[in-house]
PDB file of N, CA and C in Angstrom:
ATOM      1  N   UNK A   1     112.011  70.811 -66.101  1.00  0.00           N
ATOM      2  CA  UNK A   1     111.050  70.467 -67.117  1.00  0.00           C
ATOM      3  C   UNK A   1     110.390  69.133 -66.813  1.00  0.00           C
ATOM      4  N   UNK A   2     111.121  68.254 -66.140  1.00  0.00           N
ATOM      5  CA  UNK A   2     110.571  66.937 -65.848  1.00  0.00           C
ATOM      6  C   UNK A   2     109.461  66.974 -64.804  1.00  0.00           C
ATOM      7  N   UNK A   3     109.377  68.077 -64.071  1.00  0.00           N
ATOM      8  CA  UNK A   3     108.352  68.179 -63.034  1.00  0.00           C
ATOM      9  C   UNK A   3     106.945  68.317 -63.585  1.00  0.00           C
ATOM     10  N   UNK A   4     106.845  68.668 -64.860  1.00  0.00           N
ATOM     11  CA  UNK A   4     105.529  68.808 -65.480  1.00  0.00           C
ATOM     12  C   UNK A   4     104.832  70.078 -65.047  1.00  0.00           C
ATOM     13  N   UNK A   5     103.563  70.157 -65.351  1.00  0.00           N
ATOM     14  CA  UNK A   5     102.786  71.327 -64.984  1.00  0.00           C
ATOM     15  C   UNK A   5     102.988  72.520 -65.897  1.00  0.00           C
ATOM     16  N   UNK A   6     103.721  72.359 -67.005  1.00  0.00           N
ATOM     17  CA  UNK A   6     103.978  73.481 -67.905  1.00  0.00           C
ATOM     18  C   UNK A   6     102.761  73.822 -68.749  1.00  0.00           C
ATOM     19  N   UNK A   7     101.934  72.831 -69.009  1.00  0.00           N
ATOM     20  CA  UNK A   7     100.779  73.026 -69.888  1.00  0.00           C
ATOM     21  C   UNK A   7      99.497  73.160 -69.079  1.00  0.00           C
ATOM     22  N   UNK A   8      98.572  73.982 -69.565  1.00  0.00           N
ATOM     23  CA  UNK A   8      97.256  74.001 -68.937  1.00  0.00           C
ATOM     24  C   UNK A   8      96.609  72.635 -69.126  1.00  0.00           C
ATOM     25  N   UNK A   9      95.881  72.170 -68.107  1.00  0.00           N
ATOM     26  CA  UNK A   9      95.264  70.847 -68.197  1.00  0.00           C
ATOM     27  C   UNK A   9      93.897  70.851 -67.516  1.00  0.00           C
ATOM     28  N   UNK A  10      93.073  69.939 -67.929  1.00  0.00           N
ATOM     29  CA  UNK A  10      91.747  69.784 -67.350  1.00  0.00           C
ATOM     30  C   UNK A  10      91.838  68.823 -66.168  1.00  0.00           C
ATOM     31  N   UNK A  11      91.344  69.256 -65.006  1.00  0.00           N
ATOM     32  CA  UNK A  11      91.261  68.410 -63.814  1.00  0.00           C
ATOM     33  C   UNK A  11      89.816  67.926 -63.725  1.00  0.00           C
ATOM     34  N   UNK A  12      89.585  66.706 -64.155  1.00  0.00           N
ATOM     35  CA  UNK A  12      88.223  66.173 -64.198  1.00  0.00           C
ATOM     36  C   UNK A  12      87.669  65.900 -62.808  1.00  0.00           C
ATOM     37  N   UNK A  13      88.542  65.608 -61.838  1.00  0.00           N
ATOM     38  CA  UNK A  13      88.085  65.351 -60.468  1.00  0.00           C
ATOM     39  C   UNK A  13      87.471  66.606 -59.851  1.00  0.00           C
ATOM     40  N   UNK A  14      88.043  67.755 -60.164  1.00  0.00           N
ATOM     41  CA  UNK A  14      87.536  69.026 -59.623  1.00  0.00           C
ATOM     42  C   UNK A  14      86.645  69.777 -60.612  1.00  0.00           C
ATOM     43  N   UNK A  15      86.629  69.303 -61.857  1.00  0.00           N
ATOM     44  CA  UNK A  15      85.795  69.936 -62.876  1.00  0.00           C
ATOM     45  C   UNK A  15      86.257  71.322 -63.264  1.00  0.00           C
ATOM     46  N   UNK A  16      87.581  71.506 -63.366  1.00  0.00           N
ATOM     47  CA  UNK A  16      88.093  72.834 -63.732  1.00  0.00           C
ATOM     48  C   UNK A  16      89.355  72.715 -64.573  1.00  0.00           C
ATOM     49  N   UNK A  17      89.685  73.819 -65.230  1.00  0.00           N
ATOM     50  CA  UNK A  17      90.904  73.906 -66.022  1.00  0.00           C
ATOM     51  C   UNK A  17      92.001  74.482 -65.139  1.00  0.00           C
ATOM     52  N   UNK A  18      93.123  73.798 -65.059  1.00  0.00           N
ATOM     53  CA  UNK A  18      94.259  74.253 -64.254  1.00  0.00           C
ATOM     54  C   UNK A  18      95.283  74.902 -65.182  1.00  0.00           C
ATOM     55  N   UNK A  19      95.662  76.106 -64.872  1.00  0.00           N
ATOM     56  CA  UNK A  19      96.624  76.838 -65.694  1.00  0.00           C
ATOM     57  C   UNK A  19      98.035  76.309 -65.521  1.00  0.00           C
ATOM     58  N   UNK A  20      98.911  76.714 -66.422  1.00  0.00           N
ATOM     59  CA  UNK A  20     100.323  76.375 -66.349  1.00  0.00           C
ATOM     60  C   UNK A  20     101.144  77.620 -66.603  1.00  0.00           C
ATOM     61  N   UNK A  21     102.451  77.566 -66.370  1.00  0.00           N
ATOM     62  CA  UNK A  21     103.295  78.752 -66.543  1.00  0.00           C
ATOM     63  C   UNK A  21     103.355  79.284 -67.973  1.00  0.00           C
ATOM     64  N   UNK A  22     102.984  78.462 -68.961  1.00  0.00           N
ATOM     65  CA  UNK A  22     102.984  78.947 -70.345  1.00  0.00           C
ATOM     66  C   UNK A  22     101.659  79.579 -70.742  1.00  0.00           C
ATOM     67  N   UNK A  23     100.680  79.542 -69.863  1.00  0.00           N
ATOM     68  CA  UNK A  23      99.384  80.173 -70.118  1.00  0.00           C
ATOM     69  C   UNK A  23      99.487  81.614 -69.618  1.00  0.00           C
ATOM     70  N   UNK A  24      99.725  82.523 -70.562  1.00  0.00           N
ATOM     71  CA  UNK A  24      99.998  83.921 -70.235  1.00  0.00           C
ATOM     72  C   UNK A  24      99.023  84.843 -70.953  1.00  0.00           C
ATOM     73  N   UNK A  25      98.947  86.078 -70.498  1.00  0.00           N
ATOM     74  CA  UNK A  25      98.107  87.079 -71.157  1.00  0.00           C
ATOM     75  C   UNK A  25      98.670  87.393 -72.541  1.00  0.00           C
ATOM     76  N   UNK A  26      97.790  87.689 -73.471  1.00  0.00           N
ATOM     77  CA  UNK A  26      98.193  88.007 -74.850  1.00  0.00           C
ATOM     78  C   UNK A  26      99.225  89.135 -74.845  1.00  0.00           C
ATOM     79  N   UNK A  27     100.305  88.933 -75.626  1.00  0.00           N
ATOM     80  CA  UNK A  27     101.346  89.952 -75.753  1.00  0.00           C
ATOM     81  C   UNK A  27     102.442  89.868 -74.699  1.00  0.00           C
ATOM     82  N   UNK A  28     102.318  88.937 -73.747  1.00  0.00           N
ATOM     83  CA  UNK A  28     103.331  88.800 -72.705  1.00  0.00           C
ATOM     84  C   UNK A  28     104.605  88.189 -73.291  1.00  0.00           C
ATOM     85  N   UNK A  29     105.739  88.829 -73.055  1.00  0.00           N
ATOM     86  CA  UNK A  29     107.023  88.306 -73.519  1.00  0.00           C
ATOM     87  C   UNK A  29     107.460  87.182 -72.592  1.00  0.00           C
ATOM     88  N   UNK A  30     107.951  86.107 -73.171  1.00  0.00           N
ATOM     89  CA  UNK A  30     108.406  84.946 -72.418  1.00  0.00           C
ATOM     90  C   UNK A  30     109.933  84.938 -72.430  1.00  0.00           C
ATOM     91  N   UNK A  31     110.544  85.015 -71.252  1.00  0.00           N
ATOM     92  CA  UNK A  31     112.003  85.015 -71.123  1.00  0.00           C
ATOM     93  C   UNK A  31     112.431  83.659 -70.582  1.00  0.00           C
ATOM     94  N   UNK A  32     113.257  82.943 -71.348  1.00  0.00           N
ATOM     95  CA  UNK A  32     113.720  81.620 -70.949  1.00  0.00           C
ATOM     96  C   UNK A  32     115.193  81.669 -70.604  1.00  0.00           C
ATOM     97  N   UNK A  33     115.548  81.224 -69.413  1.00  0.00           N
ATOM     98  CA  UNK A  33     116.934  81.231 -68.947  1.00  0.00           C
ATOM     99  C   UNK A  33     117.490  79.819 -69.013  1.00  0.00           C
ATOM    100  N   UNK A  34     118.165  79.497 -70.107  1.00  0.00           N
ATOM    101  CA  UNK A  34     118.758  78.169 -70.267  1.00  0.00           C
ATOM    102  C   UNK A  34     119.978  77.983 -69.371  1.00  0.00           C
ATOM    103  N   UNK A  35     120.507  79.058 -68.803  1.00  0.00           N
ATOM    104  CA  UNK A  35     121.667  78.927 -67.925  1.00  0.00           C
ATOM    105  C   UNK A  35     121.284  78.206 -66.630  1.00  0.00           C
ATOM    106  N   UNK A  36     120.005  78.156 -66.305  1.00  0.00           N
ATOM    107  CA  UNK A  36     119.541  77.501 -65.079  1.00  0.00           C
ATOM    108  C   UNK A  36     119.278  76.009 -65.280  1.00  0.00           C
ATOM    109  N   UNK A  37     119.345  75.540 -66.534  1.00  0.00           N
ATOM    110  CA  UNK A  37     119.105  74.115 -66.803  1.00  0.00           C
ATOM    111  C   UNK A  37     120.277  73.278 -66.300  1.00  0.00           C
ATOM    112  N   UNK A  38     119.954  72.103 -65.801  1.00  0.00           N
ATOM    113  CA  UNK A  38     120.986  71.171 -65.338  1.00  0.00           C
ATOM    114  C   UNK A  38     121.065  69.992 -66.292  1.00  0.00           C
ATOM    115  N   UNK A  39     122.222  69.344 -66.309  1.00  0.00           N
ATOM    116  CA  UNK A  39     122.386  68.154 -67.132  1.00  0.00           C
ATOM    117  C   UNK A  39     121.462  67.064 -66.633  1.00  0.00           C
ATOM    118  N   UNK A  40     121.034  66.231 -67.556  1.00  0.00           N
ATOM    119  CA  UNK A  40     120.177  65.119 -67.176  1.00  0.00           C
ATOM    120  C   UNK A  40     119.353  64.668 -68.363  1.00  0.00           C
ATOM    121  N   UNK A  41     118.449  63.751 -68.088  1.00  0.00           N
ATOM    122  CA  UNK A  41     117.604  63.206 -69.126  1.00  0.00           C
ATOM    123  C   UNK A  41     116.176  63.661 -68.918  1.00  0.00           C
ATOM    124  N   UNK A  42     115.506  63.939 -70.018  1.00  0.00           N
ATOM    125  CA  UNK A  42     114.104  64.307 -69.936  1.00  0.00           C
ATOM    126  C   UNK A  42     113.244  63.050 -69.879  1.00  0.00           C
ATOM    127  N   UNK A  43     112.265  63.057 -68.972  1.00  0.00           N
ATOM    128  CA  UNK A  43     111.307  61.963 -68.958  1.00  0.00           C
ATOM    129  C   UNK A  43     110.180  62.300 -69.938  1.00  0.00           C
ATOM    130  N   UNK A  44     109.160  61.484 -70.008  1.00  0.00           N
ATOM    131  CA  UNK A  44     108.068  61.697 -70.974  1.00  0.00           C
ATOM    132  C   UNK A  44     107.392  63.044 -70.760  1.00  0.00           C
ATOM    133  N   UNK A  45     107.201  63.427 -69.501  1.00  0.00           N
ATOM    134  CA  UNK A  45     106.573  64.714 -69.197  1.00  0.00           C
ATOM    135  C   UNK A  45     107.468  65.875 -69.626  1.00  0.00           C
ATOM    136  N   UNK A  46     108.777  65.731 -69.415  1.00  0.00           N
ATOM    137  CA  UNK A  46     109.733  66.749 -69.824  1.00  0.00           C
ATOM    138  C   UNK A  46     109.776  66.915 -71.331  1.00  0.00           C
ATOM    139  N   UNK A  47     109.697  65.801 -72.051  1.00  0.00           N
ATOM    140  CA  UNK A  47     109.690  65.843 -73.520  1.00  0.00           C
ATOM    141  C   UNK A  47     108.435  66.560 -74.013  1.00  0.00           C
ATOM    142  N   UNK A  48     107.283  66.269 -73.408  1.00  0.00           N
ATOM    143  CA  UNK A  48     106.030  66.949 -73.789  1.00  0.00           C
ATOM    144  C   UNK A  48     106.107  68.446 -73.522  1.00  0.00           C
ATOM    145  N   UNK A  49     106.692  68.818 -72.383  1.00  0.00           N
ATOM    146  CA  UNK A  49     106.837  70.233 -72.046  1.00  0.00           C
ATOM    147  C   UNK A  49     107.755  70.944 -73.028  1.00  0.00           C
ATOM    148  N   UNK A  50     108.874  70.304 -73.371  1.00  0.00           N
ATOM    149  CA  UNK A  50     109.817  70.884 -74.327  1.00  0.00           C
ATOM    150  C   UNK A  50     109.170  71.018 -75.707  1.00  0.00           C
ATOM    151  N   UNK A  51     108.434  70.007 -76.116  1.00  0.00           N
ATOM    152  CA  UNK A  51     107.748  70.054 -77.414  1.00  0.00           C
ATOM    153  C   UNK A  51     106.710  71.184 -77.438  1.00  0.00           C
ATOM    154  N   UNK A  52     105.995  71.367 -76.342  1.00  0.00           N
ATOM    155  CA  UNK A  52     105.012  72.446 -76.253  1.00  0.00           C
ATOM    156  C   UNK A  52     105.695  73.808 -76.342  1.00  0.00           C
ATOM    157  N   UNK A  53     106.853  73.929 -75.707  1.00  0.00           N
ATOM    158  CA  UNK A  53     107.614  75.175 -75.756  1.00  0.00           C
ATOM    159  C   UNK A  53     108.088  75.465 -77.173  1.00  0.00           C
ATOM    160  N   UNK A  54     108.584  74.434 -77.867  1.00  0.00           N
ATOM    161  CA  UNK A  54     109.000  74.603 -79.263  1.00  0.00           C
ATOM    162  C   UNK A  54     107.824  75.001 -80.137  1.00  0.00           C
ATOM    163  N   UNK A  55     106.679  74.387 -79.906  1.00  0.00           N
ATOM    164  CA  UNK A  55     105.458  74.695 -80.656  1.00  0.00           C
ATOM    165  C   UNK A  55     105.039  76.145 -80.422  1.00  0.00           C
ATOM    166  N   UNK A  56     105.122  76.573 -79.164  1.00  0.00           N
ATOM    167  CA  UNK A  56     104.777  77.958 -78.826  1.00  0.00           C
ATOM    168  C   UNK A  56     105.704  78.928 -79.563  1.00  0.00           C
ATOM    169  N   UNK A  57     106.993  78.614 -79.596  1.00  0.00           N
ATOM    170  CA  UNK A  57     107.955  79.497 -80.251  1.00  0.00           C
ATOM    171  C   UNK A  57     107.780  79.525 -81.764  1.00  0.00           C
ATOM    172  N   UNK A  58     107.553  78.368 -82.373  1.00  0.00           N
ATOM    173  CA  UNK A  58     107.524  78.266 -83.831  1.00  0.00           C
ATOM    174  C   UNK A  58     106.201  78.669 -84.469  1.00  0.00           C
ATOM    175  N   UNK A  59     105.093  78.260 -83.895  1.00  0.00           N
ATOM    176  CA  UNK A  59     103.788  78.533 -84.527  1.00  0.00           C
ATOM    177  C   UNK A  59     102.834  79.313 -83.627  1.00  0.00           C
ATOM    178  N   UNK A  60     103.323  79.729 -82.439  1.00  0.00           N
ATOM    179  CA  UNK A  60     102.521  80.523 -81.512  1.00  0.00           C
ATOM    180  C   UNK A  60     101.193  79.840 -81.166  1.00  0.00           C
ATOM    181  N   UNK A  61     101.294  78.540 -80.839  1.00  0.00           N
ATOM    182  CA  UNK A  61     100.133  77.777 -80.374  1.00  0.00           C
ATOM    183  C   UNK A  61     100.528  76.996 -79.130  1.00  0.00           C
ATOM    184  N   UNK A  62      99.616  76.971 -78.146  1.00  0.00           N
ATOM    185  CA  UNK A  62      99.851  76.270 -76.890  1.00  0.00           C
ATOM    186  C   UNK A  62      98.838  75.148 -76.743  1.00  0.00           C
ATOM    187  N   UNK A  63      99.323  73.911 -76.561  1.00  0.00           N
ATOM    188  CA  UNK A  63      98.378  72.811 -76.375  1.00  0.00           C
ATOM    189  C   UNK A  63      97.810  72.797 -74.954  1.00  0.00           C
ATOM    190  N   UNK A  64      96.523  72.545 -74.845  1.00  0.00           N
ATOM    191  CA  UNK A  64      95.851  72.345 -73.571  1.00  0.00           C
ATOM    192  C   UNK A  64      95.597  70.847 -73.442  1.00  0.00           C
ATOM    193  N   UNK A  65      95.958  70.276 -72.307  1.00  0.00           N
ATOM    194  CA  UNK A  65      95.839  68.836 -72.096  1.00  0.00           C
ATOM    195  C   UNK A  65      94.482  68.514 -71.466  1.00  0.00           C
ATOM    196  N   UNK A  66      93.630  67.842 -72.230  1.00  0.00           N
ATOM    197  CA  UNK A  66      92.321  67.433 -71.732  1.00  0.00           C
ATOM    198  C   UNK A  66      92.305  65.929 -71.434  1.00  0.00           C
ATOM    199  N   UNK A  67      93.450  65.368 -71.107  1.00  0.00           N
ATOM    200  CA  UNK A  67      93.684  63.974 -70.739  1.00  0.00           C
ATOM    201  C   UNK A  67      93.421  63.016 -71.893  1.00  0.00           C
ATOM    202  N   UNK A  68      92.262  63.095 -72.517  1.00  0.00           N
ATOM    203  CA  UNK A  68      91.916  62.184 -73.603  1.00  0.00           C
ATOM    204  C   UNK A  68      92.293  62.746 -74.970  1.00  0.00           C
ATOM    205  N   UNK A  69      92.566  64.040 -75.023  1.00  0.00           N
ATOM    206  CA  UNK A  69      92.958  64.698 -76.261  1.00  0.00           C
ATOM    207  C   UNK A  69      93.621  66.026 -75.911  1.00  0.00           C
ATOM    208  N   UNK A  70      94.284  66.623 -76.894  1.00  0.00           N
ATOM    209  CA  UNK A  70      94.866  67.951 -76.721  1.00  0.00           C
ATOM    210  C   UNK A  70      94.229  68.908 -77.708  1.00  0.00           C
ATOM    211  N   UNK A  71      94.070  70.156 -77.285  1.00  0.00           N
ATOM    212  CA  UNK A  71      93.520  71.197 -78.144  1.00  0.00           C
ATOM    213  C   UNK A  71      94.493  72.368 -78.133  1.00  0.00           C
ATOM    214  N   UNK A  72      94.853  72.853 -79.317  1.00  0.00           N
ATOM    215  CA  UNK A  72      95.784  73.971 -79.402  1.00  0.00           C
ATOM    216  C   UNK A  72      95.035  75.300 -79.436  1.00  0.00           C
ATOM    217  N   UNK A  73      95.581  76.264 -78.710  1.00  0.00           N
ATOM    218  CA  UNK A  73      95.033  77.615 -78.696  1.00  0.00           C
ATOM    219  C   UNK A  73      96.107  78.576 -79.178  1.00  0.00           C
ATOM    220  N   UNK A  74      95.709  79.537 -79.994  1.00  0.00           N
ATOM    221  CA  UNK A  74      96.665  80.532 -80.480  1.00  0.00           C
ATOM    222  C   UNK A  74      97.078  81.456 -79.353  1.00  0.00           C
ATOM    223  N   UNK A  75      98.363  81.811 -79.356  1.00  0.00           N
ATOM    224  CA  UNK A  75      98.909  82.725 -78.359  1.00  0.00           C
ATOM    225  C   UNK A  75      99.706  83.817 -79.071  1.00  0.00           C
ATOM    226  N   UNK A  76     100.079  84.831 -78.329  1.00  0.00           N
ATOM    227  CA  UNK A  76     100.896  85.920 -78.858  1.00  0.00           C
ATOM    228  C   UNK A  76     101.979  86.206 -77.828  1.00  0.00           C
ATOM    229  N   UNK A  77     103.053  85.409 -77.853  1.00  0.00           N
ATOM    230  CA  UNK A  77     104.124  85.527 -76.872  1.00  0.00           C
ATOM    231  C   UNK A  77     105.477  85.590 -77.561  1.00  0.00           C
ATOM    232  N   UNK A  78     106.079  86.777 -77.686  1.00  0.00           N
ATOM    233  CA  UNK A  78     107.454  86.816 -78.175  1.00  0.00           C
ATOM    234  C   UNK A  78     108.357  86.126 -77.155  1.00  0.00           C
ATOM    235  N   UNK A  79     109.359  85.391 -77.647  1.00  0.00           N
ATOM    236  CA  UNK A  79     110.218  84.595 -76.769  1.00  0.00           C
ATOM    237  C   UNK A  79     111.663  85.051 -76.896  1.00  0.00           C
ATOM    238  N   UNK A  80     112.328  85.214 -75.739  1.00  0.00           N
ATOM    239  CA  UNK A  80     113.743  85.552 -75.702  1.00  0.00           C
ATOM    240  C   UNK A  80     114.447  84.488 -74.856  1.00  0.00           C
ATOM    241  N   UNK A  81     115.541  83.940 -75.376  1.00  0.00           N
ATOM    242  CA  UNK A  81     116.262  82.862 -74.697  1.00  0.00           C
ATOM    243  C   UNK A  81     117.631  83.366 -74.267  1.00  0.00           C
ATOM    244  N   UNK A  82     117.970  83.150 -73.000  1.00  0.00           N
ATOM    245  CA  UNK A  82     119.296  83.468 -72.487  1.00  0.00           C
ATOM    246  C   UNK A  82     120.067  82.158 -72.345  1.00  0.00           C
ATOM    247  N   UNK A  83     121.260  82.099 -72.962  1.00  0.00           N
ATOM    248  CA  UNK A  83     122.049  80.879 -72.942  1.00  0.00           C
ATOM    249  C   UNK A  83     123.526  81.224 -72.958  1.00  0.00           C
ATOM    250  N   UNK A  84     124.341  80.388 -72.318  1.00  0.00           N
ATOM    251  CA  UNK A  84     125.782  80.614 -72.305  1.00  0.00           C
ATOM    252  C   UNK A  84     126.466  80.009 -73.519  1.00  0.00           C
ATOM    253  N   UNK A  85     125.802  79.103 -74.194  1.00  0.00           N
ATOM    254  CA  UNK A  85     126.345  78.471 -75.393  1.00  0.00           C
ATOM    255  C   UNK A  85     125.206  78.360 -76.406  1.00  0.00           C
ATOM    256  N   UNK A  86     125.341  77.457 -77.360  1.00  0.00           N
ATOM    257  CA  UNK A  86     124.281  77.270 -78.340  1.00  0.00           C
ATOM    258  C   UNK A  86     122.994  76.880 -77.615  1.00  0.00           C
ATOM    259  N   UNK A  87     121.925  77.567 -77.935  1.00  0.00           N
ATOM    260  CA  UNK A  87     120.659  77.342 -77.247  1.00  0.00           C
ATOM    261  C   UNK A  87     120.067  75.977 -77.585  1.00  0.00           C
ATOM    262  N   UNK A  88     119.450  75.364 -76.594  1.00  0.00           N
ATOM    263  CA  UNK A  88     118.756  74.089 -76.771  1.00  0.00           C
ATOM    264  C   UNK A  88     117.562  74.271 -77.704  1.00  0.00           C
ATOM    265  N   UNK A  89     116.895  75.395 -77.565  1.00  0.00           N
ATOM    266  CA  UNK A  89     115.738  75.720 -78.397  1.00  0.00           C
ATOM    267  C   UNK A  89     116.181  76.595 -79.557  1.00  0.00           C
ATOM    268  N   UNK A  90     115.750  76.263 -80.747  1.00  0.00           N
ATOM    269  CA  UNK A  90     116.159  76.999 -81.945  1.00  0.00           C
ATOM    270  C   UNK A  90     115.448  78.354 -81.990  1.00  0.00           C
ATOM    271  N   UNK A  91     116.215  79.402 -82.151  1.00  0.00           N
ATOM    272  CA  UNK A  91     115.675  80.752 -82.234  1.00  0.00           C
ATOM    273  C   UNK A  91     115.910  81.319 -83.625  1.00  0.00           C
ATOM    274  N   UNK A  92     115.107  82.283 -84.018  1.00  0.00           N
ATOM    275  CA  UNK A  92     115.249  82.858 -85.350  1.00  0.00           C
ATOM    276  C   UNK A  92     116.397  83.869 -85.424  1.00  0.00           C
ATOM    277  N   UNK A  93     116.770  84.442 -84.271  1.00  0.00           N
ATOM    278  CA  UNK A  93     117.856  85.427 -84.238  1.00  0.00           C
ATOM    279  C   UNK A  93     118.767  85.105 -83.054  1.00  0.00           C
ATOM    280  N   UNK A  94     120.076  85.151 -83.260  1.00  0.00           N
ATOM    281  CA  UNK A  94     121.061  84.932 -82.199  1.00  0.00           C
ATOM    282  C   UNK A  94     121.876  86.210 -82.042  1.00  0.00           C
ATOM    283  N   UNK A  95     121.919  86.734 -80.841  1.00  0.00           N
ATOM    284  CA  UNK A  95     122.691  87.939 -80.566  1.00  0.00           C
ATOM    285  C   UNK A  95     123.723  87.642 -79.488  1.00  0.00           C
ATOM    286  N   UNK A  96     125.010  87.661 -79.814  1.00  0.00           N
ATOM    287  CA  UNK A  96     126.019  87.455 -78.775  1.00  0.00           C
ATOM    288  C   UNK A  96     126.063  88.673 -77.851  1.00  0.00           C
ATOM    289  N   UNK A  97     126.281  88.420 -76.590  1.00  0.00           N
ATOM    290  CA  UNK A  97     126.361  89.498 -75.613  1.00  0.00           C
ATOM    291  C   UNK A  97     127.670  89.381 -74.866  1.00  0.00           C
ATOM    292  N   UNK A  98     128.380  90.467 -74.804  1.00  0.00           N
ATOM    293  CA  UNK A  98     129.641  90.502 -74.075  1.00  0.00           C
ATOM    294  C   UNK A  98     129.576  91.616 -73.054  1.00  0.00           C
ATOM    295  N   UNK A  99     129.737  91.274 -71.783  1.00  0.00           N
ATOM    296  CA  UNK A  99     129.667  92.319 -70.737  1.00  0.00           C
ATOM    297  C   UNK A  99     130.864  93.250 -70.779  1.00  0.00           C
TER     298      UNK A  99
END
């Protein structure tokens, strides 16, 4: 998450909008694997990415970064989280799975 690039952003040097992994086609299901997360601290970029992910899950809006301001766009992405323990991101339904 600290690597950034999760949000679509405007590249003013090239004059174009650069997509991010959260910019998906309408109706695309988003599968998050929290088992792949490693311990550590989030930097400012990581915190922004996590906040954007929470926003996407809770209100189905994705912020686009235009450097001087952010603009939210409505999305339609159902989210499923895979976790070995309590999920970092709050979900509306928790289903235990036992192999």
